[in-house]
Structures are given as structure tokens and as C-alpha cells.
Amino acid sequence: MELDINVLRKICMPENIEITMHAAKRLEQRGILIKDVINCIINGEIIEQYPTDYPYPSCLILGISVSGKSLHVVVGSNQTLLWVVTAYYPDNNKWSEDLKVRKEN
């Protein structure tokens, strides 16, 4: 099942967000705050879908941090909760100019 950004926005509140151990480490390393993740989801768009991810479908969202930097966030969802899998500032060498399409290796 593919995720819908409008559903994700509706449930995107701190009490509905779980952060995996991996994501917590990465967020800290990269200086990304939970408010950046929330801002990305609320104002962003889904650019890749991973409908077969386990245990829940997930997607890659392109949005912006609170400070206005482009941000990628991967979240999984069961339509009630959001699991933050990872978040990072996209690398211009790995993504198209609009940061929506991966460049070929």
C-alpha cells in the first residue's frame, strides 16, 4: 500500500511519532531536530514510495527544515503512527537539481 501525504500530515504530531534507534543516532549526528522532521512532513511531498517495507509501508519525503534547508525524511506508517527511519540533508551530487530524483551511479 502506498502512503498518502495528507494522511501523514494529519497524524504528524509529536505524540504519534516514534523514532527508531537508528534515526535517533542519525538525527543527532546531523543536527536535525524533531521539529525539522515535522516541518518536512507538514510542508513536503512524497518523492519515493516503498510499499513493501516491513513492518509498515514507508516513503521518502522531500521538505524543508525549520531553518529553510532542504531535507529528506524516510517514514513508515500504519496510518495511526509515524516511524522516523532516517533523515538527512540531501547531497547535490546524489540527487537531481530539484532533489527529487536520484542520480545514476
N, C-alpha and C. Protein backbone atom coordinates (compact mmCIF):
# COMPACT_ATOMS: atom_id res chain seq x y z
N MET A 1 0.84 -1.19 0.00
CA MET A 1 0.00 0.00 0.00
C MET A 1 0.88 1.25 0.00
N GLU A 2 0.56 2.21 -0.85
CA GLU A 2 1.31 3.46 -0.88
C GLU A 2 0.76 4.42 0.17
N LEU A 3 1.65 5.22 0.71
CA LEU A 3 1.25 6.20 1.73
C LEU A 3 0.75 7.47 1.07
N ASP A 4 -0.13 8.18 1.77
CA ASP A 4 -0.73 9.42 1.30
C ASP A 4 -0.21 10.56 2.17
N ILE A 5 0.37 11.58 1.57
CA ILE A 5 0.96 12.69 2.33
C ILE A 5 -0.09 13.37 3.21
N ASN A 6 -1.34 13.44 2.75
CA ASN A 6 -2.37 14.09 3.57
C ASN A 6 -2.67 13.31 4.84
N VAL A 7 -2.64 11.99 4.76
CA VAL A 7 -2.82 11.15 5.96
C VAL A 7 -1.63 11.35 6.90
N LEU A 8 -0.42 11.36 6.33
CA LEU A 8 0.77 11.56 7.16
C LEU A 8 0.73 12.91 7.86
N ARG A 9 0.28 13.94 7.16
CA ARG A 9 0.19 15.28 7.77
C ARG A 9 -0.79 15.29 8.93
N LYS A 10 -1.92 14.59 8.77
CA LYS A 10 -2.94 14.56 9.82
C LYS A 10 -2.43 13.93 11.11
N ILE A 11 -1.62 12.89 10.97
CA ILE A 11 -1.13 12.20 12.17
C ILE A 11 0.24 12.70 12.63
N CYS A 12 0.78 13.69 11.96
CA CYS A 12 2.13 14.19 12.25
C CYS A 12 2.12 15.14 13.46
N MET A 13 2.01 14.53 14.65
CA MET A 13 2.09 15.25 15.91
C MET A 13 3.08 14.50 16.79
N PRO A 14 3.79 15.20 17.65
CA PRO A 14 4.81 14.52 18.47
C PRO A 14 4.32 13.25 19.16
N GLU A 15 3.08 13.24 19.63
CA GLU A 15 2.59 12.05 20.34
C GLU A 15 2.37 10.84 19.42
N ASN A 16 2.36 11.06 18.11
CA ASN A 16 2.17 9.97 17.15
C ASN A 16 3.46 9.57 16.45
N ILE A 17 4.59 10.14 16.86
CA ILE A 17 5.86 9.90 16.17
C ILE A 17 6.77 9.03 17.02
N GLU A 18 7.21 7.95 16.41
CA GLU A 18 8.21 7.06 17.02
C GLU A 18 9.51 7.24 16.25
N ILE A 19 10.61 7.28 16.97
CA ILE A 19 11.91 7.44 16.30
C ILE A 19 12.72 6.17 16.54
N THR A 20 13.10 5.50 15.46
CA THR A 20 13.91 4.29 15.62
C THR A 20 15.27 4.66 16.22
N MET A 21 15.93 3.69 16.81
CA MET A 21 17.25 3.92 17.39
C MET A 21 18.20 4.44 16.32
N HIS A 22 18.14 3.84 15.12
CA HIS A 22 18.98 4.29 14.00
C HIS A 22 18.70 5.77 13.71
N ALA A 23 17.43 6.13 13.62
CA ALA A 23 17.07 7.51 13.28
C ALA A 23 17.54 8.47 14.37
N ALA A 24 17.38 8.09 15.63
CA ALA A 24 17.80 8.97 16.73
C ALA A 24 19.29 9.29 16.62
N LYS A 25 20.08 8.26 16.32
CA LYS A 25 21.54 8.46 16.15
C LYS A 25 21.83 9.40 14.99
N ARG A 26 21.19 9.13 13.86
CA ARG A 26 21.43 9.92 12.66
C ARG A 26 20.98 11.37 12.84
N LEU A 27 19.83 11.57 13.44
CA LEU A 27 19.33 12.94 13.67
C LEU A 27 20.34 13.71 14.52
N GLU A 28 20.82 13.07 15.57
CA GLU A 28 21.78 13.73 16.45
C GLU A 28 23.07 14.06 15.69
N GLN A 29 23.59 13.08 14.94
CA GLN A 29 24.83 13.29 14.18
C GLN A 29 24.69 14.43 13.18
N ARG A 30 23.51 14.55 12.59
CA ARG A 30 23.30 15.52 11.51
C ARG A 30 22.70 16.84 12.00
N GLY A 31 22.45 16.95 13.29
CA GLY A 31 21.90 18.19 13.84
C GLY A 31 20.47 18.46 13.38
N ILE A 32 19.71 17.40 13.16
CA ILE A 32 18.32 17.54 12.71
C ILE A 32 17.42 17.34 13.92
N LEU A 33 16.54 18.29 14.17
CA LEU A 33 15.63 18.23 15.31
C LEU A 33 14.28 17.65 14.90
N ILE A 34 13.53 17.18 15.89
CA ILE A 34 12.21 16.62 15.59
C ILE A 34 11.31 17.68 14.95
N LYS A 35 11.48 18.95 15.33
CA LYS A 35 10.66 19.99 14.70
C LYS A 35 11.01 20.15 13.22
N ASP A 36 12.26 19.83 12.84
CA ASP A 36 12.64 19.84 11.42
C ASP A 36 11.92 18.71 10.68
N VAL A 37 11.88 17.53 11.31
CA VAL A 37 11.20 16.37 10.72
C VAL A 37 9.72 16.67 10.52
N ILE A 38 9.09 17.23 11.56
CA ILE A 38 7.66 17.57 11.48
C ILE A 38 7.42 18.60 10.38
N ASN A 39 8.25 19.62 10.33
CA ASN A 39 8.11 20.66 9.29
C ASN A 39 8.23 20.05 7.90
N CYS A 40 9.16 19.12 7.73
CA CYS A 40 9.37 18.46 6.45
C CYS A 40 8.10 17.71 6.03
N ILE A 41 7.51 16.97 6.95
CA ILE A 41 6.31 16.18 6.64
C ILE A 41 5.12 17.10 6.35
N ILE A 42 4.94 18.11 7.16
CA ILE A 42 3.79 19.02 7.01
C ILE A 42 3.86 19.79 5.69
N ASN A 43 5.06 20.20 5.30
CA ASN A 43 5.21 21.05 4.11
C ASN A 43 5.80 20.34 2.90
N GLY A 44 6.11 19.06 3.05
CA GLY A 44 6.83 18.36 1.99
C GLY A 44 5.95 17.57 1.05
N GLU A 45 6.64 16.79 0.21
CA GLU A 45 5.95 15.93 -0.75
C GLU A 45 6.66 14.59 -0.80
N ILE A 46 5.89 13.55 -1.04
CA ILE A 46 6.46 12.21 -1.17
C ILE A 46 7.13 12.11 -2.53
N ILE A 47 8.42 11.71 -2.53
CA ILE A 47 9.13 11.58 -3.80
C ILE A 47 9.47 10.13 -4.14
N GLU A 48 9.42 9.24 -3.15
CA GLU A 48 9.60 7.81 -3.40
C GLU A 48 8.69 7.04 -2.44
N GLN A 49 8.12 5.95 -2.94
CA GLN A 49 7.27 5.09 -2.13
C GLN A 49 7.95 3.73 -1.97
N TYR A 50 7.84 3.15 -0.77
CA TYR A 50 8.36 1.81 -0.50
C TYR A 50 7.22 0.98 0.09
N PRO A 51 6.23 0.61 -0.75
CA PRO A 51 5.02 -0.04 -0.24
C PRO A 51 5.23 -1.42 0.37
N THR A 52 6.34 -2.07 0.06
CA THR A 52 6.56 -3.42 0.58
C THR A 52 7.48 -3.43 1.81
N ASP A 53 7.86 -2.27 2.32
CA ASP A 53 8.71 -2.24 3.52
C ASP A 53 8.01 -2.92 4.69
N TYR A 54 8.82 -3.55 5.55
CA TYR A 54 8.30 -4.24 6.71
C TYR A 54 8.75 -3.51 7.97
N PRO A 55 7.93 -3.36 8.98
CA PRO A 55 6.59 -3.92 9.12
C PRO A 55 5.49 -3.06 8.51
N TYR A 56 5.81 -1.82 8.10
CA TYR A 56 4.80 -0.94 7.51
C TYR A 56 5.35 -0.30 6.25
N PRO A 57 4.48 0.06 5.32
CA PRO A 57 4.94 0.78 4.13
C PRO A 57 5.65 2.06 4.57
N SER A 58 6.61 2.49 3.76
CA SER A 58 7.31 3.74 4.08
C SER A 58 7.48 4.56 2.82
N CYS A 59 8.00 5.77 3.00
CA CYS A 59 8.20 6.66 1.86
C CYS A 59 9.30 7.66 2.20
N LEU A 60 9.80 8.28 1.14
CA LEU A 60 10.80 9.33 1.26
C LEU A 60 10.10 10.65 0.98
N ILE A 61 10.23 11.58 1.91
CA ILE A 61 9.59 12.89 1.78
C ILE A 61 10.67 13.95 1.59
N LEU A 62 10.46 14.81 0.62
CA LEU A 62 11.31 15.99 0.43
C LEU A 62 10.56 17.18 1.00
N GLY A 63 11.19 17.87 1.93
CA GLY A 63 10.59 19.06 2.53
C GLY A 63 11.69 20.00 2.97
N ILE A 64 11.36 20.83 3.93
CA ILE A 64 12.36 21.79 4.43
C ILE A 64 12.41 21.75 5.95
N SER A 65 13.60 22.03 6.46
CA SER A 65 13.79 22.14 7.90
C SER A 65 13.20 23.48 8.36
N VAL A 66 13.14 23.67 9.66
CA VAL A 66 12.63 24.91 10.22
C VAL A 66 13.46 26.10 9.73
N SER A 67 14.76 25.87 9.52
CA SER A 67 15.64 26.96 9.07
C SER A 67 15.62 27.15 7.55
N GLY A 68 14.81 26.33 6.84
CA GLY A 68 14.66 26.52 5.40
C GLY A 68 15.58 25.69 4.52
N LYS A 69 16.32 24.74 5.12
CA LYS A 69 17.20 23.87 4.32
C LYS A 69 16.39 22.68 3.79
N SER A 70 16.69 22.26 2.56
CA SER A 70 16.04 21.07 2.01
C SER A 70 16.37 19.86 2.87
N LEU A 71 15.37 19.02 3.09
CA LEU A 71 15.53 17.88 3.99
C LEU A 71 14.80 16.68 3.40
N HIS A 72 15.42 15.50 3.53
CA HIS A 72 14.78 14.24 3.17
C HIS A 72 14.48 13.49 4.47
N VAL A 73 13.26 12.98 4.59
CA VAL A 73 12.86 12.18 5.75
C VAL A 73 12.22 10.90 5.23
N VAL A 74 12.65 9.76 5.78
CA VAL A 74 12.01 8.48 5.48
C VAL A 74 11.15 8.11 6.68
N VAL A 75 9.86 7.90 6.41
CA VAL A 75 8.93 7.49 7.47
C VAL A 75 8.14 6.27 7.04
N GLY A 76 7.84 5.43 8.02
CA GLY A 76 6.93 4.32 7.83
C GLY A 76 5.67 4.66 8.60
N SER A 77 4.54 4.09 8.19
CA SER A 77 3.30 4.40 8.89
C SER A 77 2.29 3.27 8.77
N ASN A 78 1.50 3.12 9.85
CA ASN A 78 0.36 2.21 9.85
C ASN A 78 -0.95 3.01 9.80
N GLN A 79 -0.87 4.27 9.39
CA GLN A 79 -1.99 5.20 9.28
C GLN A 79 -2.40 5.80 10.63
N THR A 80 -1.76 5.37 11.73
CA THR A 80 -2.06 5.89 13.06
C THR A 80 -0.81 6.50 13.68
N LEU A 81 0.33 5.83 13.47
CA LEU A 81 1.61 6.30 13.98
C LEU A 81 2.59 6.48 12.84
N LEU A 82 3.60 7.31 13.07
CA LEU A 82 4.70 7.51 12.12
C LEU A 82 5.98 7.01 12.77
N TRP A 83 6.75 6.24 12.03
CA TRP A 83 8.07 5.83 12.49
C TRP A 83 9.10 6.56 11.63
N VAL A 84 9.93 7.36 12.26
CA VAL A 84 11.00 8.03 11.53
C VAL A 84 12.13 7.02 11.39
N VAL A 85 12.46 6.69 10.14
CA VAL A 85 13.50 5.71 9.85
C VAL A 85 14.85 6.40 9.75
N THR A 86 14.88 7.53 9.03
CA THR A 86 16.10 8.33 8.93
C THR A 86 15.73 9.71 8.38
N ALA A 87 16.66 10.63 8.49
CA ALA A 87 16.50 11.96 7.92
C ALA A 87 17.90 12.49 7.60
N TYR A 88 18.00 13.23 6.51
CA TYR A 88 19.30 13.75 6.11
C TYR A 88 19.10 14.95 5.18
N TYR A 89 20.15 15.75 5.09
CA TYR A 89 20.17 16.85 4.12
C TYR A 89 20.68 16.26 2.81
N PRO A 90 19.89 16.29 1.75
CA PRO A 90 20.29 15.63 0.50
C PRO A 90 21.56 16.23 -0.10
N ASP A 91 22.35 15.35 -0.67
CA ASP A 91 23.62 15.69 -1.29
C ASP A 91 23.37 16.01 -2.77
N ASN A 92 23.76 17.20 -3.20
CA ASN A 92 23.56 17.61 -4.60
C ASN A 92 24.26 16.69 -5.60
N ASN A 93 25.30 15.97 -5.14
CA ASN A 93 26.00 15.04 -6.03
C ASN A 93 25.21 13.75 -6.25
N LYS A 94 24.25 13.47 -5.36
CA LYS A 94 23.49 12.22 -5.45
C LYS A 94 22.06 12.42 -5.94
N TRP A 95 21.62 13.68 -5.98
CA TRP A 95 20.23 13.98 -6.33
C TRP A 95 20.16 15.00 -7.46
N SER A 96 19.09 14.96 -8.22
CA SER A 96 18.87 15.94 -9.28
C SER A 96 18.79 17.34 -8.67
N GLU A 97 18.79 18.35 -9.52
CA GLU A 97 18.80 19.74 -9.05
C GLU A 97 17.62 20.05 -8.12
N ASP A 98 16.45 19.47 -8.42
CA ASP A 98 15.27 19.71 -7.58
C ASP A 98 15.20 18.77 -6.36
N LEU A 99 16.23 17.89 -6.22
CA LEU A 99 16.37 16.96 -5.10
C LEU A 99 15.29 15.90 -5.04
N LYS A 100 14.62 15.65 -6.18
CA LYS A 100 13.52 14.69 -6.22
C LYS A 100 13.89 13.37 -6.88
N VAL A 101 14.96 13.35 -7.67
CA VAL A 101 15.32 12.15 -8.43
C VAL A 101 16.78 11.79 -8.16
N ARG A 102 17.01 10.53 -7.83
CA ARG A 102 18.38 10.07 -7.59
C ARG A 102 19.16 10.08 -8.90
N LYS A 103 20.42 10.51 -8.81
CA LYS A 103 21.29 10.44 -9.98
C LYS A 103 21.80 9.02 -10.12
N GLU A 104 22.05 8.60 -11.35
CA GLU A 104 22.62 7.27 -11.58
C GLU A 104 24.05 7.22 -11.06
N ASN A 105 24.48 6.06 -10.63
CA ASN A 105 25.86 5.91 -10.13
C ASN A 105 26.87 5.95 -11.26
